[in-house]
Amino acid sequence: MQAPTHVDTSRDGRKHTREADRLILDARDNVGAPTLQRRKRTSLDWYIGYMALMSESVETEPSSIEEAVKQIVWVDFMVEEYDSTIRNSAWEFLPRL
């Protein structure tokens, strides 16, 4: 004769099947006991510091030539583009209108 599949109550007061109890025990053996999974509230200082760091790391394109010549990266880019245009003979003269 087969044993009943339901247990009256488990340790936490809820009803479980014997199969469910076996799976819970197997999970504890293989994975470990469950841990607290609540998210901690981070402080506002941490968030402000993070946003300041991210804003420094995000590169934006300059909106004018005056802004571009202040950054060495953009000066190098302009020189490289100019050299590429000269090297590829990409100039085309058009008559004035």
N, C-alpha and C. Protein backbone atom coordinates (compact mmCIF):
# COMPACT_ATOMS: atom_id res chain seq x y z
N MET A 1 0.83 -1.17 0.00
CA MET A 1 0.00 0.00 0.00
C MET A 1 0.88 1.24 0.00
N GLN A 2 0.42 2.24 -0.74
CA GLN A 2 1.20 3.46 -0.89
C GLN A 2 0.90 4.43 0.24
N ALA A 3 1.92 5.18 0.65
CA ALA A 3 1.74 6.17 1.72
C ALA A 3 0.96 7.36 1.17
N PRO A 4 0.19 8.01 2.02
CA PRO A 4 -0.54 9.18 1.54
C PRO A 4 0.43 10.27 1.07
N THR A 5 -0.02 11.04 0.08
CA THR A 5 0.87 12.05 -0.49
C THR A 5 0.80 13.38 0.24
N HIS A 6 -0.15 13.57 1.13
CA HIS A 6 -0.27 14.83 1.84
C HIS A 6 0.16 14.68 3.29
N VAL A 7 0.84 15.68 3.76
CA VAL A 7 1.23 15.76 5.16
C VAL A 7 0.24 16.71 5.82
N ASP A 8 -0.04 16.50 7.09
CA ASP A 8 -1.02 17.37 7.76
C ASP A 8 -0.58 18.84 7.67
N THR A 9 0.54 19.17 8.26
CA THR A 9 1.08 20.52 8.15
C THR A 9 2.60 20.41 8.15
N SER A 10 3.23 21.37 7.58
CA SER A 10 4.69 21.38 7.57
C SER A 10 5.20 22.28 8.68
N ARG A 11 6.48 22.48 8.71
CA ARG A 11 7.09 23.28 9.77
C ARG A 11 6.56 24.71 9.80
N ASP A 12 6.26 25.28 8.61
CA ASP A 12 5.79 26.66 8.57
C ASP A 12 4.27 26.77 8.65
N GLY A 13 3.57 25.65 8.93
CA GLY A 13 2.14 25.69 9.11
C GLY A 13 1.33 25.51 7.84
N ARG A 14 2.00 25.44 6.69
CA ARG A 14 1.26 25.25 5.43
C ARG A 14 1.27 23.78 5.05
N LYS A 15 0.27 23.39 4.30
CA LYS A 15 0.22 22.00 3.83
C LYS A 15 1.12 21.85 2.61
N HIS A 16 1.85 20.76 2.61
CA HIS A 16 2.72 20.43 1.48
C HIS A 16 2.53 18.96 1.16
N THR A 17 2.78 18.61 -0.05
CA THR A 17 2.82 17.20 -0.40
C THR A 17 4.19 16.68 -0.02
N ARG A 18 4.29 15.39 0.08
CA ARG A 18 5.59 14.79 0.38
C ARG A 18 6.58 15.10 -0.76
N GLU A 19 6.08 15.15 -1.97
CA GLU A 19 6.94 15.47 -3.12
C GLU A 19 7.48 16.90 -2.99
N ALA A 20 6.62 17.82 -2.57
CA ALA A 20 7.06 19.20 -2.40
C ALA A 20 8.12 19.29 -1.30
N ASP A 21 7.92 18.59 -0.21
CA ASP A 21 8.91 18.59 0.87
C ASP A 21 10.23 18.01 0.38
N ARG A 22 10.16 16.95 -0.41
CA ARG A 22 11.39 16.35 -0.94
C ARG A 22 12.12 17.34 -1.86
N LEU A 23 11.37 18.06 -2.68
CA LEU A 23 11.98 19.04 -3.57
C LEU A 23 12.61 20.20 -2.79
N ILE A 24 11.94 20.62 -1.72
CA ILE A 24 12.50 21.69 -0.89
C ILE A 24 13.81 21.24 -0.25
N LEU A 25 13.83 20.03 0.28
CA LEU A 25 15.06 19.51 0.89
C LEU A 25 16.17 19.34 -0.14
N ASP A 26 15.82 18.85 -1.33
CA ASP A 26 16.82 18.71 -2.39
C ASP A 26 17.39 20.08 -2.77
N ALA A 27 16.52 21.09 -2.85
CA ALA A 27 16.98 22.44 -3.21
C ALA A 27 17.92 22.98 -2.14
N ARG A 28 17.59 22.75 -0.87
CA ARG A 28 18.47 23.23 0.20
C ARG A 28 19.82 22.53 0.16
N ASP A 29 19.82 21.23 -0.18
CA ASP A 29 21.07 20.50 -0.26
C ASP A 29 21.92 20.98 -1.44
N ASN A 30 21.28 21.24 -2.57
CA ASN A 30 22.02 21.61 -3.78
C ASN A 30 22.35 23.10 -3.86
N VAL A 31 21.44 23.95 -3.40
CA VAL A 31 21.62 25.39 -3.56
C VAL A 31 21.96 26.07 -2.25
N GLY A 32 21.37 25.65 -1.19
CA GLY A 32 21.57 26.29 0.10
C GLY A 32 20.27 26.90 0.57
N ALA A 33 20.29 27.33 1.80
CA ALA A 33 19.08 27.92 2.38
C ALA A 33 18.78 29.25 1.69
N PRO A 34 17.52 29.59 1.58
CA PRO A 34 17.18 30.87 0.95
C PRO A 34 17.69 32.04 1.77
N THR A 35 18.01 33.12 1.10
CA THR A 35 18.49 34.32 1.78
C THR A 35 17.47 35.42 1.62
N LEU A 36 17.65 36.47 2.39
CA LEU A 36 16.75 37.61 2.32
C LEU A 36 16.93 38.29 0.97
N GLN A 37 15.85 38.54 0.28
CA GLN A 37 15.96 39.09 -1.07
C GLN A 37 15.35 40.48 -1.18
N ARG A 38 15.29 41.22 -0.10
CA ARG A 38 14.79 42.59 -0.17
C ARG A 38 15.89 43.49 -0.69
N ARG A 39 15.48 44.46 -1.48
CA ARG A 39 16.46 45.42 -1.98
C ARG A 39 16.72 46.47 -0.92
N LYS A 40 17.97 46.80 -0.75
CA LYS A 40 18.32 47.86 0.19
C LYS A 40 18.10 49.20 -0.48
N ARG A 41 17.65 50.15 0.27
CA ARG A 41 17.50 51.51 -0.26
C ARG A 41 18.87 52.16 -0.25
N THR A 42 19.29 52.64 -1.41
CA THR A 42 20.60 53.27 -1.49
C THR A 42 20.47 54.74 -1.14
N SER A 43 21.54 55.29 -0.66
CA SER A 43 21.50 56.67 -0.22
C SER A 43 21.50 57.61 -1.43
N LEU A 44 21.01 58.80 -1.21
CA LEU A 44 20.97 59.82 -2.25
C LEU A 44 22.38 60.22 -2.67
N ASP A 45 23.31 60.22 -1.73
CA ASP A 45 24.70 60.57 -2.04
C ASP A 45 25.29 59.60 -3.05
N TRP A 46 24.99 58.32 -2.88
CA TRP A 46 25.50 57.32 -3.82
C TRP A 46 24.94 57.58 -5.21
N TYR A 47 23.66 57.86 -5.28
CA TYR A 47 23.01 58.11 -6.57
C TYR A 47 23.58 59.35 -7.23
N ILE A 48 23.77 60.42 -6.49
CA ILE A 48 24.33 61.65 -7.06
C ILE A 48 25.75 61.41 -7.57
N GLY A 49 26.54 60.67 -6.80
CA GLY A 49 27.90 60.35 -7.24
C GLY A 49 27.91 59.51 -8.51
N TYR A 50 26.99 58.57 -8.57
CA TYR A 50 26.90 57.72 -9.76
C TYR A 50 26.53 58.54 -10.99
N MET A 51 25.54 59.42 -10.84
CA MET A 51 25.11 60.24 -11.97
C MET A 51 26.23 61.20 -12.41
N ALA A 52 26.99 61.73 -11.48
CA ALA A 52 28.11 62.61 -11.83
C ALA A 52 29.16 61.83 -12.62
N LEU A 53 29.44 60.61 -12.19
CA LEU A 53 30.41 59.78 -12.91
C LEU A 53 29.93 59.46 -14.31
N MET A 54 28.66 59.11 -14.45
CA MET A 54 28.11 58.78 -15.76
C MET A 54 28.08 59.99 -16.69
N SER A 55 27.79 61.16 -16.16
CA SER A 55 27.74 62.35 -17.01
C SER A 55 29.12 62.71 -17.53
N GLU A 56 30.16 62.40 -16.76
CA GLU A 56 31.52 62.66 -17.22
C GLU A 56 31.94 61.66 -18.30
N SER A 57 31.42 60.45 -18.23
CA SER A 57 31.86 59.43 -19.16
C SER A 57 31.10 59.47 -20.48
N VAL A 58 29.98 60.18 -20.54
CA VAL A 58 29.19 60.27 -21.76
C VAL A 58 29.75 61.40 -22.60
N GLU A 59 30.17 61.06 -23.81
CA GLU A 59 30.73 62.06 -24.71
C GLU A 59 29.62 62.63 -25.57
N THR A 60 29.58 63.94 -25.66
CA THR A 60 28.60 64.59 -26.52
C THR A 60 29.33 65.33 -27.62
N GLU A 61 28.69 65.44 -28.75
CA GLU A 61 29.30 66.16 -29.85
C GLU A 61 29.18 67.65 -29.60
N PRO A 62 30.22 68.39 -29.95
CA PRO A 62 30.14 69.84 -29.79
C PRO A 62 29.11 70.42 -30.76
N SER A 63 28.47 71.51 -30.36
CA SER A 63 27.44 72.11 -31.20
C SER A 63 27.99 73.26 -32.05
N SER A 64 29.24 73.63 -31.84
CA SER A 64 29.84 74.70 -32.65
C SER A 64 31.33 74.44 -32.82
N ILE A 65 31.94 75.16 -33.76
CA ILE A 65 33.39 75.00 -33.98
C ILE A 65 34.17 75.50 -32.78
N GLU A 66 33.63 76.51 -32.09
CA GLU A 66 34.31 77.04 -30.90
C GLU A 66 34.41 75.97 -29.81
N GLU A 67 33.36 75.18 -29.64
CA GLU A 67 33.40 74.09 -28.66
C GLU A 67 34.34 72.98 -29.12
N ALA A 68 34.36 72.72 -30.43
CA ALA A 68 35.18 71.61 -30.96
C ALA A 68 36.67 71.88 -30.81
N VAL A 69 37.10 73.12 -31.04
CA VAL A 69 38.54 73.39 -30.97
C VAL A 69 39.06 73.40 -29.54
N LYS A 70 38.19 73.39 -28.54
CA LYS A 70 38.61 73.33 -27.14
C LYS A 70 38.93 71.92 -26.69
N GLN A 71 38.53 70.91 -27.49
CA GLN A 71 38.75 69.51 -27.11
C GLN A 71 39.71 68.87 -28.11
N ILE A 72 40.80 68.34 -27.60
CA ILE A 72 41.86 67.78 -28.45
C ILE A 72 41.34 66.62 -29.30
N VAL A 73 40.38 65.88 -28.78
CA VAL A 73 39.83 64.75 -29.53
C VAL A 73 39.19 65.23 -30.83
N TRP A 74 38.44 66.33 -30.75
CA TRP A 74 37.75 66.85 -31.93
C TRP A 74 38.72 67.53 -32.88
N VAL A 75 39.77 68.15 -32.36
CA VAL A 75 40.80 68.73 -33.23
C VAL A 75 41.48 67.62 -34.02
N ASP A 76 41.83 66.54 -33.35
CA ASP A 76 42.44 65.40 -34.05
C ASP A 76 41.50 64.85 -35.11
N PHE A 77 40.23 64.77 -34.81
CA PHE A 77 39.24 64.27 -35.76
C PHE A 77 39.16 65.18 -36.99
N MET A 78 39.14 66.49 -36.77
CA MET A 78 39.07 67.44 -37.89
C MET A 78 40.30 67.34 -38.78
N VAL A 79 41.49 67.21 -38.18
CA VAL A 79 42.72 67.07 -38.95
C VAL A 79 42.70 65.78 -39.76
N GLU A 80 42.24 64.71 -39.14
CA GLU A 80 42.15 63.42 -39.84
C GLU A 80 41.18 63.49 -41.02
N GLU A 81 40.04 64.13 -40.84
CA GLU A 81 39.06 64.29 -41.92
C GLU A 81 39.64 65.14 -43.05
N TYR A 82 40.31 66.22 -42.68
CA TYR A 82 40.91 67.09 -43.70
C TYR A 82 41.97 66.33 -44.50
N ASP A 83 42.85 65.60 -43.80
CA ASP A 83 43.88 64.81 -44.49
C ASP A 83 43.26 63.76 -45.40
N SER A 84 42.19 63.13 -44.97
CA SER A 84 41.50 62.13 -45.78
C SER A 84 40.90 62.76 -47.03
N THR A 85 40.33 63.94 -46.89
CA THR A 85 39.74 64.63 -48.04
C THR A 85 40.82 64.99 -49.06
N ILE A 86 41.96 65.49 -48.60
CA ILE A 86 43.07 65.84 -49.50
C ILE A 86 43.63 64.58 -50.15
N ARG A 87 43.87 63.56 -49.38
CA ARG A 87 44.48 62.32 -49.88
C ARG A 87 43.60 61.65 -50.94
N ASN A 88 42.29 61.71 -50.79
CA ASN A 88 41.37 61.06 -51.73
C ASN A 88 40.93 61.97 -52.87
N SER A 89 41.49 63.16 -52.94
CA SER A 89 41.12 64.14 -53.97
C SER A 89 39.61 64.32 -54.04
N ALA A 90 39.01 64.54 -52.92
CA ALA A 90 37.56 64.64 -52.85
C ALA A 90 37.07 66.08 -53.03
N TRP A 91 37.98 66.97 -53.42
CA TRP A 91 37.60 68.36 -53.64
C TRP A 91 36.93 68.52 -54.98
N GLU A 92 35.93 69.33 -55.01
CA GLU A 92 35.28 69.64 -56.29
C GLU A 92 34.95 71.12 -56.25
N PHE A 93 35.49 71.87 -57.23
CA PHE A 93 35.25 73.30 -57.27
C PHE A 93 33.99 73.58 -58.05
N LEU A 94 33.16 74.44 -57.50
CA LEU A 94 31.92 74.83 -58.17
C LEU A 94 31.98 76.32 -58.47
N PRO A 95 31.45 76.73 -59.62
CA PRO A 95 31.46 78.17 -59.91
C PRO A 95 30.54 78.92 -58.96
N ARG A 96 30.93 80.17 -58.68
CA ARG A 96 30.10 81.00 -57.80
C ARG A 96 28.83 81.39 -58.53
N LEU A 97 27.79 81.49 -57.78
CA LEU A 97 26.51 81.90 -58.37
C LEU A 97 26.26 83.36 -58.19
